[in-house]
Amino acid sequence: MEPHLLSTPCRHCAAESGHADCLARLLAVAPSSATAANDQAMTPCHFAAQNGHADAIDVLVHASPAAATITTVRSFTPLHIAAIKGHTTAVKRLLAAVPATAAARTESGATPLYLAAQNGYEGAVAALLEAAPGTALIRASVSPAGGEWTPAHIAAIHGHAGVLKLILKAAPEAAWARDEMVSLCLNLS
């Protein structure tokens, strides 16, 4: 057993391991535990999203739709975590549960789309753009120079041509977005 699981509540363990059936039994006894958080404000839904356990996510959001909206101490929703890990099925399930979380921002302003684009996860990017194409123009304050970049900027900087293509197809105006140093995102690729 993983050492960190020794002090973790059962519901978090079941979610992290993807045991949707065990999670359903735990929630039948204590439904409010679907939104119970640990010391980092991570809920069972965050743990399920981190490991791409879409069936566990379904159980949790069925018990409490709020499970998909709770944020960590750094303002990450379960959707942010699924996106940063590239778990496309988990991203789709979370978007189906609460579509508005597509525009949720971390403390640095990153959206789930930004995080998926940064890591080159084309499936997650496509799902997020389909649900909320307007998020392609939301800037995050995460550039090393202290400026703000869009998902197109970060995809171009990391050389994720497939991701950049998806973003520009969904939001062509993203090609003209400029960062604080007046660089077009297409100049960065």
N, C-alpha and C. Protein backbone atom coordinates (compact mmCIF):
# COMPACT_ATOMS: atom_id res chain seq x y z
N MET A 1 0.85 -1.18 0.00
CA MET A 1 0.00 0.00 0.00
C MET A 1 0.90 1.24 0.00
N GLU A 2 0.45 2.24 -0.73
CA GLU A 2 1.17 3.51 -0.78
C GLU A 2 1.20 4.13 0.62
N PRO A 3 2.38 4.63 1.06
CA PRO A 3 2.48 5.21 2.41
C PRO A 3 1.50 6.35 2.67
N HIS A 4 1.25 7.20 1.65
CA HIS A 4 0.33 8.32 1.88
C HIS A 4 -1.11 7.87 2.11
N LEU A 5 -1.44 6.67 1.72
CA LEU A 5 -2.81 6.18 1.89
C LEU A 5 -3.09 5.74 3.33
N LEU A 6 -2.04 5.53 4.12
CA LEU A 6 -2.23 5.07 5.49
C LEU A 6 -2.99 6.07 6.35
N SER A 7 -2.85 7.36 6.05
CA SER A 7 -3.56 8.38 6.83
C SER A 7 -4.68 9.05 6.03
N THR A 8 -5.10 8.42 4.96
CA THR A 8 -6.11 8.97 4.07
C THR A 8 -7.46 8.31 4.33
N PRO A 9 -8.55 9.09 4.37
CA PRO A 9 -9.89 8.49 4.56
C PRO A 9 -10.22 7.46 3.48
N CYS A 10 -11.04 6.49 3.82
CA CYS A 10 -11.44 5.42 2.90
C CYS A 10 -11.96 5.95 1.57
N ARG A 11 -12.82 6.96 1.66
CA ARG A 11 -13.43 7.48 0.42
C ARG A 11 -12.37 8.03 -0.53
N HIS A 12 -11.34 8.71 0.00
CA HIS A 12 -10.26 9.22 -0.84
C HIS A 12 -9.47 8.06 -1.45
N CYS A 13 -9.22 7.03 -0.66
CA CYS A 13 -8.49 5.85 -1.15
C CYS A 13 -9.26 5.16 -2.27
N ALA A 14 -10.55 4.97 -2.08
CA ALA A 14 -11.37 4.31 -3.10
C ALA A 14 -11.40 5.13 -4.39
N ALA A 15 -11.51 6.45 -4.26
CA ALA A 15 -11.53 7.33 -5.43
C ALA A 15 -10.18 7.31 -6.15
N GLU A 16 -9.11 7.40 -5.39
CA GLU A 16 -7.77 7.41 -5.97
C GLU A 16 -7.46 6.11 -6.69
N SER A 17 -7.96 5.01 -6.15
CA SER A 17 -7.71 3.69 -6.73
C SER A 17 -8.72 3.32 -7.82
N GLY A 18 -9.77 4.13 -7.96
CA GLY A 18 -10.75 3.88 -9.00
C GLY A 18 -11.76 2.81 -8.68
N HIS A 19 -11.97 2.54 -7.41
CA HIS A 19 -12.93 1.52 -7.01
C HIS A 19 -14.32 2.15 -6.83
N ALA A 20 -14.98 2.35 -7.94
CA ALA A 20 -16.28 3.02 -7.95
C ALA A 20 -17.32 2.28 -7.12
N ASP A 21 -17.27 0.95 -7.14
CA ASP A 21 -18.24 0.17 -6.36
C ASP A 21 -18.05 0.38 -4.86
N CYS A 22 -16.81 0.39 -4.41
CA CYS A 22 -16.54 0.65 -2.98
C CYS A 22 -16.93 2.08 -2.61
N LEU A 23 -16.63 3.00 -3.50
CA LEU A 23 -16.97 4.40 -3.28
C LEU A 23 -18.48 4.57 -3.15
N ALA A 24 -19.24 3.89 -4.00
CA ALA A 24 -20.71 3.97 -3.93
C ALA A 24 -21.22 3.44 -2.59
N ARG A 25 -20.61 2.38 -2.08
CA ARG A 25 -21.04 1.83 -0.79
C ARG A 25 -20.71 2.81 0.36
N LEU A 26 -19.54 3.42 0.29
CA LEU A 26 -19.16 4.40 1.32
C LEU A 26 -20.10 5.61 1.29
N LEU A 27 -20.44 6.06 0.10
CA LEU A 27 -21.32 7.23 -0.03
C LEU A 27 -22.76 6.90 0.35
N ALA A 28 -23.16 5.65 0.22
CA ALA A 28 -24.51 5.25 0.64
C ALA A 28 -24.66 5.41 2.15
N VAL A 29 -23.57 5.21 2.88
CA VAL A 29 -23.58 5.34 4.33
C VAL A 29 -23.40 6.79 4.76
N ALA A 30 -22.55 7.51 4.02
CA ALA A 30 -22.23 8.91 4.36
C ALA A 30 -22.18 9.76 3.10
N PRO A 31 -23.35 10.13 2.55
CA PRO A 31 -23.40 10.87 1.29
C PRO A 31 -22.62 12.19 1.29
N SER A 32 -22.59 12.87 2.44
CA SER A 32 -21.89 14.16 2.48
C SER A 32 -20.39 14.01 2.34
N SER A 33 -19.87 12.79 2.48
CA SER A 33 -18.42 12.60 2.36
C SER A 33 -17.93 12.74 0.92
N ALA A 34 -18.85 12.85 -0.04
CA ALA A 34 -18.46 13.06 -1.44
C ALA A 34 -17.71 14.37 -1.60
N THR A 35 -17.95 15.32 -0.71
CA THR A 35 -17.29 16.63 -0.81
C THR A 35 -16.31 16.88 0.33
N ALA A 36 -16.02 15.85 1.12
CA ALA A 36 -15.09 16.01 2.24
C ALA A 36 -13.67 16.20 1.71
N ALA A 37 -12.96 17.16 2.27
CA ALA A 37 -11.63 17.51 1.78
C ALA A 37 -10.54 17.16 2.78
N ASN A 38 -9.34 16.94 2.26
CA ASN A 38 -8.18 16.71 3.14
C ASN A 38 -7.53 18.06 3.48
N ASP A 39 -6.34 18.04 4.04
CA ASP A 39 -5.68 19.29 4.47
C ASP A 39 -5.26 20.19 3.31
N GLN A 40 -5.23 19.67 2.10
CA GLN A 40 -4.93 20.47 0.91
C GLN A 40 -6.20 20.85 0.17
N ALA A 41 -7.34 20.59 0.80
CA ALA A 41 -8.66 20.85 0.24
C ALA A 41 -8.96 19.97 -0.97
N MET A 42 -8.30 18.83 -1.04
CA MET A 42 -8.58 17.87 -2.12
C MET A 42 -9.68 16.92 -1.67
N THR A 43 -10.66 16.77 -2.52
CA THR A 43 -11.79 15.89 -2.26
C THR A 43 -11.57 14.54 -2.95
N PRO A 44 -12.43 13.57 -2.69
CA PRO A 44 -12.33 12.31 -3.44
C PRO A 44 -12.38 12.54 -4.96
N CYS A 45 -13.13 13.53 -5.40
CA CYS A 45 -13.22 13.80 -6.83
C CYS A 45 -11.87 14.27 -7.40
N HIS A 46 -11.12 15.05 -6.63
CA HIS A 46 -9.78 15.45 -7.07
C HIS A 46 -8.89 14.21 -7.24
N PHE A 47 -8.97 13.28 -6.28
CA PHE A 47 -8.16 12.06 -6.36
C PHE A 47 -8.56 11.20 -7.55
N ALA A 48 -9.85 11.06 -7.80
CA ALA A 48 -10.31 10.29 -8.95
C ALA A 48 -9.86 10.95 -10.26
N ALA A 49 -9.97 12.27 -10.34
CA ALA A 49 -9.57 13.01 -11.54
C ALA A 49 -8.07 12.88 -11.79
N GLN A 50 -7.30 12.91 -10.73
CA GLN A 50 -5.84 12.82 -10.84
C GLN A 50 -5.40 11.51 -11.50
N ASN A 51 -6.18 10.48 -11.29
CA ASN A 51 -5.83 9.18 -11.83
C ASN A 51 -6.72 8.74 -12.99
N GLY A 52 -7.59 9.64 -13.44
CA GLY A 52 -8.42 9.36 -14.60
C GLY A 52 -9.52 8.34 -14.39
N HIS A 53 -9.99 8.22 -13.18
CA HIS A 53 -11.02 7.23 -12.86
C HIS A 53 -12.42 7.82 -13.10
N ALA A 54 -12.84 7.75 -14.35
CA ALA A 54 -14.11 8.35 -14.76
C ALA A 54 -15.32 7.74 -14.05
N ASP A 55 -15.31 6.43 -13.81
CA ASP A 55 -16.45 5.80 -13.13
C ASP A 55 -16.56 6.30 -11.69
N ALA A 56 -15.44 6.49 -11.03
CA ALA A 56 -15.46 7.03 -9.67
C ALA A 56 -15.97 8.47 -9.68
N ILE A 57 -15.58 9.23 -10.69
CA ILE A 57 -16.08 10.60 -10.83
C ILE A 57 -17.59 10.59 -10.97
N ASP A 58 -18.10 9.69 -11.80
CA ASP A 58 -19.56 9.59 -11.98
C ASP A 58 -20.27 9.33 -10.66
N VAL A 59 -19.73 8.41 -9.85
CA VAL A 59 -20.34 8.09 -8.56
C VAL A 59 -20.35 9.33 -7.66
N LEU A 60 -19.24 10.04 -7.65
CA LEU A 60 -19.12 11.22 -6.77
C LEU A 60 -20.04 12.36 -7.19
N VAL A 61 -20.09 12.67 -8.48
CA VAL A 61 -20.94 13.79 -8.90
C VAL A 61 -22.42 13.41 -8.86
N HIS A 62 -22.71 12.11 -8.95
CA HIS A 62 -24.10 11.68 -8.77
C HIS A 62 -24.52 11.91 -7.31
N ALA A 63 -23.62 11.60 -6.39
CA ALA A 63 -23.91 11.81 -4.97
C ALA A 63 -23.99 13.29 -4.62
N SER A 64 -23.14 14.09 -5.27
CA SER A 64 -23.13 15.53 -5.02
C SER A 64 -22.48 16.25 -6.19
N PRO A 65 -23.27 16.94 -7.03
CA PRO A 65 -22.69 17.70 -8.14
C PRO A 65 -21.62 18.70 -7.70
N ALA A 66 -21.71 19.15 -6.45
CA ALA A 66 -20.71 20.09 -5.94
C ALA A 66 -19.32 19.47 -5.89
N ALA A 67 -19.22 18.15 -5.90
CA ALA A 67 -17.92 17.48 -5.87
C ALA A 67 -17.04 17.91 -7.03
N ALA A 68 -17.66 18.29 -8.15
CA ALA A 68 -16.90 18.71 -9.33
C ALA A 68 -16.48 20.17 -9.28
N THR A 69 -16.94 20.91 -8.30
CA THR A 69 -16.66 22.35 -8.26
C THR A 69 -15.74 22.80 -7.14
N ILE A 70 -15.51 21.94 -6.17
CA ILE A 70 -14.69 22.33 -5.01
C ILE A 70 -13.25 22.53 -5.45
N THR A 71 -12.62 23.57 -4.90
CA THR A 71 -11.25 23.89 -5.28
C THR A 71 -10.26 23.56 -4.16
N THR A 72 -9.03 23.27 -4.57
CA THR A 72 -7.94 23.00 -3.63
C THR A 72 -7.43 24.32 -3.06
N VAL A 73 -6.39 24.24 -2.23
CA VAL A 73 -5.83 25.47 -1.65
C VAL A 73 -5.23 26.38 -2.73
N ARG A 74 -4.92 25.84 -3.90
CA ARG A 74 -4.39 26.64 -5.01
C ARG A 74 -5.45 26.85 -6.10
N SER A 75 -6.69 26.61 -5.75
CA SER A 75 -7.85 26.86 -6.62
C SER A 75 -7.96 25.90 -7.82
N PHE A 76 -7.50 24.69 -7.67
CA PHE A 76 -7.66 23.68 -8.71
C PHE A 76 -8.97 22.93 -8.48
N THR A 77 -9.82 22.87 -9.51
CA THR A 77 -11.00 22.01 -9.48
C THR A 77 -10.56 20.61 -9.92
N PRO A 78 -11.42 19.61 -9.75
CA PRO A 78 -11.09 18.29 -10.31
C PRO A 78 -10.84 18.36 -11.83
N LEU A 79 -11.54 19.25 -12.53
CA LEU A 79 -11.32 19.39 -13.97
C LEU A 79 -9.91 19.88 -14.28
N HIS A 80 -9.40 20.83 -13.50
CA HIS A 80 -8.00 21.26 -13.69
C HIS A 80 -7.05 20.07 -13.58
N ILE A 81 -7.30 19.25 -12.58
CA ILE A 81 -6.40 18.11 -12.32
C ILE A 81 -6.50 17.07 -13.43
N ALA A 82 -7.70 16.76 -13.89
CA ALA A 82 -7.85 15.81 -15.00
C ALA A 82 -7.20 16.36 -16.26
N ALA A 83 -7.33 17.67 -16.50
CA ALA A 83 -6.76 18.30 -17.70
C ALA A 83 -5.24 18.29 -17.65
N ILE A 84 -4.66 18.61 -16.51
CA ILE A 84 -3.20 18.67 -16.41
C ILE A 84 -2.57 17.29 -16.56
N LYS A 85 -3.35 16.24 -16.27
CA LYS A 85 -2.87 14.87 -16.41
C LYS A 85 -3.25 14.26 -17.77
N GLY A 86 -4.10 14.96 -18.54
CA GLY A 86 -4.49 14.48 -19.86
C GLY A 86 -5.48 13.34 -19.85
N HIS A 87 -6.28 13.24 -18.83
CA HIS A 87 -7.28 12.16 -18.73
C HIS A 87 -8.57 12.60 -19.46
N THR A 88 -8.61 12.35 -20.75
CA THR A 88 -9.70 12.84 -21.60
C THR A 88 -11.08 12.37 -21.15
N THR A 89 -11.22 11.11 -20.82
CA THR A 89 -12.54 10.61 -20.39
C THR A 89 -12.98 11.29 -19.10
N ALA A 90 -12.06 11.46 -18.17
CA ALA A 90 -12.39 12.16 -16.92
C ALA A 90 -12.76 13.61 -17.21
N VAL A 91 -12.05 14.26 -18.11
CA VAL A 91 -12.36 15.64 -18.51
C VAL A 91 -13.79 15.70 -19.04
N LYS A 92 -14.14 14.78 -19.92
CA LYS A 92 -15.49 14.78 -20.52
C LYS A 92 -16.57 14.56 -19.46
N ARG A 93 -16.33 13.66 -18.53
CA ARG A 93 -17.33 13.38 -17.49
C ARG A 93 -17.52 14.59 -16.58
N LEU A 94 -16.41 15.25 -16.23
CA LEU A 94 -16.51 16.44 -15.37
C LEU A 94 -17.20 17.58 -16.09
N LEU A 95 -16.91 17.76 -17.37
CA LEU A 95 -17.59 18.79 -18.16
C LEU A 95 -19.08 18.51 -18.28
N ALA A 96 -19.44 17.24 -18.43
CA ALA A 96 -20.86 16.87 -18.52
C ALA A 96 -21.57 17.17 -17.20
N ALA A 97 -20.87 16.97 -16.10
CA ALA A 97 -21.48 17.20 -14.78
C ALA A 97 -21.67 18.68 -14.49
N VAL A 98 -20.64 19.48 -14.73
CA VAL A 98 -20.69 20.92 -14.44
C VAL A 98 -19.90 21.67 -15.52
N PRO A 99 -20.53 22.00 -16.64
CA PRO A 99 -19.83 22.64 -17.75
C PRO A 99 -19.12 23.95 -17.38
N ALA A 100 -19.66 24.67 -16.43
CA ALA A 100 -19.08 25.97 -16.06
C ALA A 100 -17.66 25.86 -15.51
N THR A 101 -17.27 24.68 -15.05
CA THR A 101 -15.91 24.55 -14.51
C THR A 101 -14.85 24.69 -15.61
N ALA A 102 -15.24 24.65 -16.87
CA ALA A 102 -14.27 24.85 -17.96
C ALA A 102 -13.62 26.23 -17.88
N ALA A 103 -14.32 27.20 -17.32
CA ALA A 103 -13.78 28.56 -17.20
C ALA A 103 -13.18 28.85 -15.82
N ALA A 104 -13.16 27.86 -14.95
CA ALA A 104 -12.59 28.06 -13.61
C ALA A 104 -11.09 28.35 -13.73
N ARG A 105 -10.61 29.21 -12.83
CA ARG A 105 -9.20 29.61 -12.89
C ARG A 105 -8.48 29.30 -11.58
N THR A 106 -7.24 28.87 -11.71
CA THR A 106 -6.41 28.62 -10.54
C THR A 106 -5.96 29.96 -9.98
N GLU A 107 -5.20 29.94 -8.91
CA GLU A 107 -4.73 31.21 -8.32
C GLU A 107 -3.83 31.99 -9.29
N SER A 108 -3.20 31.31 -10.25
CA SER A 108 -2.38 32.01 -11.25
C SER A 108 -3.19 32.36 -12.50
N GLY A 109 -4.46 31.99 -12.51
CA GLY A 109 -5.33 32.32 -13.62
C GLY A 109 -5.44 31.24 -14.69
N ALA A 110 -4.80 30.10 -14.49
CA ALA A 110 -4.84 29.04 -15.50
C ALA A 110 -6.20 28.34 -15.52
N THR A 111 -6.70 28.14 -16.72
CA THR A 111 -7.92 27.37 -16.93
C THR A 111 -7.53 25.91 -17.18
N PRO A 112 -8.50 25.00 -17.12
CA PRO A 112 -8.19 23.62 -17.50
C PRO A 112 -7.61 23.52 -18.91
N LEU A 113 -8.13 24.33 -19.85
CA LEU A 113 -7.60 24.33 -21.21
C LEU A 113 -6.13 24.72 -21.24
N TYR A 114 -5.78 25.75 -20.51
CA TYR A 114 -4.39 26.20 -20.45
C TYR A 114 -3.48 25.05 -19.98
N LEU A 115 -3.89 24.34 -18.94
CA LEU A 115 -3.07 23.27 -18.38
C LEU A 115 -2.95 22.09 -19.34
N ALA A 116 -4.03 21.74 -20.02
CA ALA A 116 -3.98 20.65 -21.00
C ALA A 116 -3.11 21.06 -22.19
N ALA A 117 -3.22 22.31 -22.63
CA ALA A 117 -2.41 22.81 -23.75
C ALA A 117 -0.92 22.82 -23.39
N GLN A 118 -0.62 23.22 -22.18
CA GLN A 118 0.77 23.28 -21.71
C GLN A 118 1.44 21.91 -21.78
N ASN A 119 0.67 20.88 -21.53
CA ASN A 119 1.23 19.53 -21.50
C ASN A 119 1.01 18.75 -22.79
N GLY A 120 0.37 19.37 -23.78
CA GLY A 120 0.23 18.75 -25.09
C GLY A 120 -0.81 17.65 -25.20
N TYR A 121 -1.83 17.68 -24.36
CA TYR A 121 -2.86 16.64 -24.36
C TYR A 121 -3.98 16.99 -25.33
N GLU A 122 -3.85 16.52 -26.55
CA GLU A 122 -4.80 16.88 -27.61
C GLU A 122 -6.23 16.44 -27.32
N GLY A 123 -6.43 15.25 -26.78
CA GLY A 123 -7.78 14.78 -26.48
C GLY A 123 -8.47 15.65 -25.46
N ALA A 124 -7.77 15.99 -24.39
CA ALA A 124 -8.33 16.87 -23.36
C ALA A 124 -8.58 18.26 -23.92
N VAL A 125 -7.64 18.77 -24.72
CA VAL A 125 -7.82 20.10 -25.32
C VAL A 125 -9.06 20.11 -26.21
N ALA A 126 -9.23 19.09 -27.05
CA ALA A 126 -10.39 19.03 -27.94
C ALA A 126 -11.70 19.01 -27.14
N ALA A 127 -11.75 18.23 -26.08
CA ALA A 127 -12.96 18.16 -25.26
C ALA A 127 -13.26 19.50 -24.60
N LEU A 128 -12.23 20.16 -24.10
CA LEU A 128 -12.42 21.46 -23.44
C LEU A 128 -12.83 22.54 -24.43
N LEU A 129 -12.25 22.52 -25.62
CA LEU A 129 -12.62 23.51 -26.64
C LEU A 129 -14.05 23.29 -27.14
N GLU A 130 -14.45 22.04 -27.25
CA GLU A 130 -15.82 21.75 -27.66
C GLU A 130 -16.82 22.28 -26.64
N ALA A 131 -16.49 22.14 -25.38
CA ALA A 131 -17.39 22.58 -24.31
C ALA A 131 -17.37 24.08 -24.10
N ALA A 132 -16.20 24.70 -24.27
CA ALA A 132 -16.05 26.13 -23.96
C ALA A 132 -14.96 26.77 -24.82
N PRO A 133 -15.26 27.02 -26.11
CA PRO A 133 -14.23 27.58 -27.00
C PRO A 133 -13.71 28.95 -26.55
N GLY A 134 -14.53 29.70 -25.83
CA GLY A 134 -14.11 31.03 -25.37
C GLY A 134 -12.95 30.99 -24.40
N THR A 135 -12.71 29.83 -23.77
CA THR A 135 -11.59 29.75 -22.83
C THR A 135 -10.24 29.81 -23.53
N ALA A 136 -10.23 29.69 -24.86
CA ALA A 136 -8.97 29.79 -25.62
C ALA A 136 -8.36 31.17 -25.52
N LEU A 137 -9.15 32.16 -25.12
CA LEU A 137 -8.65 33.54 -25.05
C LEU A 137 -8.38 34.01 -23.63
N ILE A 138 -8.61 33.15 -22.64
CA ILE A 138 -8.36 33.53 -21.25
C ILE A 138 -6.87 33.43 -20.96
N ARG A 139 -6.33 34.50 -20.41
CA ARG A 139 -4.89 34.55 -20.11
C ARG A 139 -4.60 34.09 -18.69
N ALA A 140 -3.43 33.51 -18.52
CA ALA A 140 -2.97 33.10 -17.20
C ALA A 140 -1.66 33.83 -16.90
N SER A 141 -1.46 34.19 -15.65
CA SER A 141 -0.25 34.91 -15.23
C SER A 141 0.84 33.92 -14.85
N VAL A 142 1.32 33.20 -15.83
CA VAL A 142 2.30 32.16 -15.52
C VAL A 142 3.58 32.25 -16.36
N SER A 143 3.74 33.30 -17.14
CA SER A 143 4.97 33.41 -17.93
C SER A 143 6.14 33.77 -17.02
N PRO A 144 7.36 33.30 -17.35
CA PRO A 144 8.53 33.59 -16.52
C PRO A 144 8.79 35.09 -16.36
N ALA A 145 8.42 35.87 -17.36
CA ALA A 145 8.64 37.31 -17.30
C ALA A 145 7.54 38.03 -16.51
N GLY A 146 6.58 37.27 -16.02
CA GLY A 146 5.50 37.87 -15.25
C GLY A 146 4.33 38.33 -16.10
N GLY A 147 4.37 38.06 -17.40
CA GLY A 147 3.28 38.44 -18.29
C GLY A 147 2.16 37.41 -18.24
N GLU A 148 1.24 37.58 -19.15
CA GLU A 148 0.10 36.67 -19.22
C GLU A 148 0.06 36.01 -20.59
N TRP A 149 -0.15 34.70 -20.59
CA TRP A 149 -0.22 33.93 -21.82
C TRP A 149 -1.56 33.24 -21.96
N THR A 150 -1.97 33.06 -23.21
CA THR A 150 -3.17 32.30 -23.53
C THR A 150 -2.77 30.82 -23.72
N PRO A 151 -3.74 29.93 -23.83
CA PRO A 151 -3.41 28.54 -24.14
C PRO A 151 -2.62 28.41 -25.46
N ALA A 152 -2.90 29.28 -26.43
CA ALA A 152 -2.15 29.23 -27.70
C ALA A 152 -0.68 29.58 -27.47
N HIS A 153 -0.41 30.58 -26.63
CA HIS A 153 0.98 30.93 -26.32
C HIS A 153 1.72 29.73 -25.73
N ILE A 154 1.12 29.11 -24.72
CA ILE A 154 1.81 28.03 -24.02
C ILE A 154 1.98 26.80 -24.93
N ALA A 155 1.02 26.54 -25.80
CA ALA A 155 1.15 25.42 -26.75
C ALA A 155 2.29 25.71 -27.72
N ALA A 156 2.37 26.94 -28.21
CA ALA A 156 3.43 27.32 -29.15
C ALA A 156 4.81 27.24 -28.49
N ILE A 157 4.91 27.73 -27.28
CA ILE A 157 6.20 27.73 -26.58
C ILE A 157 6.71 26.31 -26.35
N HIS A 158 5.80 25.40 -26.04
CA HIS A 158 6.20 24.01 -25.78
C HIS A 158 6.23 23.15 -27.04
N GLY A 159 5.95 23.73 -28.19
CA GLY A 159 6.03 22.99 -29.45
C GLY A 159 4.92 21.99 -29.67
N HIS A 160 3.78 22.23 -29.08
CA HIS A 160 2.64 21.32 -29.24
C HIS A 160 1.80 21.76 -30.44
N ALA A 161 2.31 21.44 -31.64
CA ALA A 161 1.68 21.89 -32.89
C ALA A 161 0.25 21.37 -33.03
N GLY A 162 0.01 20.12 -32.65
CA GLY A 162 -1.34 19.57 -32.75
C GLY A 162 -2.33 20.31 -31.86
N VAL A 163 -1.89 20.66 -30.65
CA VAL A 163 -2.72 21.42 -29.72
C VAL A 163 -2.98 22.81 -30.28
N LEU A 164 -1.94 23.45 -30.79
CA LEU A 164 -2.08 24.80 -31.35
C LEU A 164 -3.07 24.78 -32.52
N LYS A 165 -3.01 23.75 -33.34
CA LYS A 165 -3.94 23.62 -34.47
C LYS A 165 -5.38 23.54 -33.97
N LEU A 166 -5.61 22.74 -32.92
CA LEU A 166 -6.96 22.62 -32.35
C LEU A 166 -7.46 23.96 -31.81
N ILE A 167 -6.60 24.68 -31.11
CA ILE A 167 -6.98 25.98 -30.54
C ILE A 167 -7.33 26.97 -31.64
N LEU A 168 -6.47 27.03 -32.67
CA LEU A 168 -6.71 28.01 -33.74
C LEU A 168 -7.94 27.66 -34.58
N LYS A 169 -8.26 26.38 -34.69
CA LYS A 169 -9.48 25.98 -35.39
C LYS A 169 -10.71 26.43 -34.61
N ALA A 170 -10.67 26.27 -33.29
CA ALA A 170 -11.82 26.62 -32.44
C ALA A 170 -11.93 28.13 -32.21
N ALA A 171 -10.78 28.81 -32.16
CA ALA A 171 -10.75 30.25 -31.86
C ALA A 171 -9.64 30.91 -32.69
N PRO A 172 -9.91 31.16 -33.99
CA PRO A 172 -8.88 31.73 -34.87
C PRO A 172 -8.27 33.03 -34.36
N GLU A 173 -9.06 33.78 -33.60
CA GLU A 173 -8.55 35.06 -33.07
C GLU A 173 -7.42 34.86 -32.07
N ALA A 174 -7.24 33.65 -31.57
CA ALA A 174 -6.14 33.37 -30.65
C ALA A 174 -4.78 33.55 -31.33
N ALA A 175 -4.75 33.46 -32.66
CA ALA A 175 -3.49 33.66 -33.39
C ALA A 175 -2.96 35.09 -33.22
N TRP A 176 -3.85 36.01 -32.92
CA TRP A 176 -3.46 37.41 -32.81
C TRP A 176 -3.27 37.87 -31.37
N ALA A 177 -3.43 36.96 -30.43
CA ALA A 177 -3.23 37.32 -29.02
C ALA A 177 -1.77 37.64 -28.78
N ARG A 178 -1.53 38.69 -28.01
CA ARG A 178 -0.16 39.11 -27.71
C ARG A 178 0.11 38.96 -26.22
N ASP A 179 1.37 38.64 -25.91
CA ASP A 179 1.74 38.58 -24.50
C ASP A 179 2.23 39.96 -24.07
N GLU A 180 2.71 40.06 -22.84
CA GLU A 180 3.14 41.34 -22.29
C GLU A 180 4.35 41.92 -23.03
N MET A 181 5.11 41.07 -23.72
CA MET A 181 6.27 41.54 -24.47
C MET A 181 5.92 41.79 -25.93
N VAL A 182 4.64 41.85 -26.24
CA VAL A 182 4.10 42.11 -27.57
C VAL A 182 4.56 41.08 -28.59
N SER A 183 4.57 39.83 -28.17
CA SER A 183 4.90 38.74 -29.09
C SER A 183 3.61 38.06 -29.49
N LEU A 184 3.44 37.84 -30.76
CA LEU A 184 2.31 37.05 -31.23
C LEU A 184 2.58 35.60 -30.86
N CYS A 185 1.52 34.87 -30.53
CA CYS A 185 1.75 33.48 -30.16
C CYS A 185 2.36 32.70 -31.31
N LEU A 186 2.07 33.06 -32.55
CA LEU A 186 2.64 32.34 -33.69
C LEU A 186 4.12 32.60 -33.84
N ASN A 187 4.63 33.72 -33.33
CA ASN A 187 6.06 33.99 -33.35
C ASN A 187 6.80 33.15 -32.35
N LEU A 188 6.11 32.62 -31.37
CA LEU A 188 6.73 31.85 -30.31
C LEU A 188 6.93 30.40 -30.68
N SER A 189 6.25 29.94 -31.73
CA SER A 189 6.35 28.53 -32.09
C SER A 189 7.57 28.25 -32.95
